[in-house]
Amino acid sequence: MELKVQPLQIKAGKYKVVLNTEDARELGVHAGDRVQLKDHSYLTAIVETGDMIPAGTVGVYQEC
């Protein structure tokens, strides 16, 4: 699944991303799981889930 990135104006102290609850369910991902993000290189981040992020989007904290 390809998702749009939504930058979040929050400092997390670690690499964290937020997935929409339904997207996470479809991907088989749960809060606390690790996922890899790919742009020019790979980054491993901890997943949070919630409905504050629209479906089809991954929220990326500033540290990413």
Protein backbone atom coordinates (compact mmCIF):
# COMPACT_ATOMS: atom_id res chain seq x y z
CA MET A 1 0.00 0.00 0.00
CA GLU A 2 1.36 3.43 -0.86
CA LEU A 3 0.40 6.24 1.56
CA LYS A 4 0.82 10.01 1.44
CA VAL A 5 3.05 11.54 4.13
CA GLN A 6 1.62 14.07 6.58
CA PRO A 7 4.33 15.80 8.67
CA LEU A 8 3.39 16.20 12.34
CA GLN A 9 4.57 19.19 14.38
CA ILE A 10 5.33 17.03 17.41
CA LYS A 11 8.69 15.89 18.80
CA ALA A 12 8.69 12.21 19.71
CA GLY A 13 12.29 11.48 20.73
CA LYS A 14 12.28 8.33 18.56
CA TYR A 15 11.27 7.59 15.03
CA LYS A 16 7.50 7.20 15.17
CA VAL A 17 4.74 7.20 12.60
CA VAL A 18 0.96 7.23 12.89
CA LEU A 19 -1.23 5.05 10.70
CA ASN A 20 -4.97 5.34 10.33
CA THR A 21 -6.60 2.51 12.30
CA GLU A 22 -8.23 0.96 9.22
CA ASP A 23 -5.01 1.17 7.16
CA ALA A 24 -3.09 -0.50 9.99
CA ARG A 25 -5.69 -3.28 10.19
CA GLU A 26 -5.51 -3.80 6.41
CA LEU A 27 -1.71 -4.00 6.59
CA GLY A 28 -1.75 -6.28 9.64
CA VAL A 29 0.20 -3.70 11.66
CA HIS A 30 -0.45 -3.00 15.35
CA ALA A 31 0.54 -0.14 17.67
CA GLY A 32 4.11 -0.72 18.86
CA ASP A 33 5.11 -2.67 15.74
CA ARG A 34 8.05 -1.50 13.70
CA VAL A 35 7.76 -0.64 10.02
CA GLN A 36 10.26 0.43 7.40
CA LEU A 37 9.76 3.65 5.45
CA LYS A 38 11.53 4.13 2.15
CA ASP A 39 12.44 7.40 0.50
CA HIS A 40 16.06 7.73 -0.60
CA SER A 41 17.04 5.25 2.11
CA TYR A 42 15.24 3.10 4.67
CA LEU A 43 14.14 4.19 8.14
CA THR A 44 12.63 1.96 10.81
CA ALA A 45 9.88 3.56 12.90
CA ILE A 46 7.52 2.57 15.71
CA VAL A 47 3.83 2.58 14.76
CA GLU A 48 1.04 4.38 16.54
CA THR A 49 -2.52 4.06 15.26
CA GLY A 50 -5.48 6.40 15.41
CA ASP A 51 -8.19 8.19 13.52
CA MET A 52 -6.46 11.59 13.63
CA ILE A 53 -4.67 10.59 10.41
CA PRO A 54 -6.83 10.25 7.30
CA ALA A 55 -6.98 6.89 5.54
CA GLY A 56 -4.28 6.53 2.88
CA THR A 57 -1.84 8.70 4.84
CA VAL A 58 1.05 8.03 7.20
CA GLY A 59 1.76 10.71 9.82
CA VAL A 60 5.50 11.23 10.29
CA TYR A 61 6.88 12.92 13.40
CA GLN A 62 9.44 15.69 12.85
CA GLU A 63 12.45 13.53 13.77
CA CYS A 64 11.88 11.35 10.70
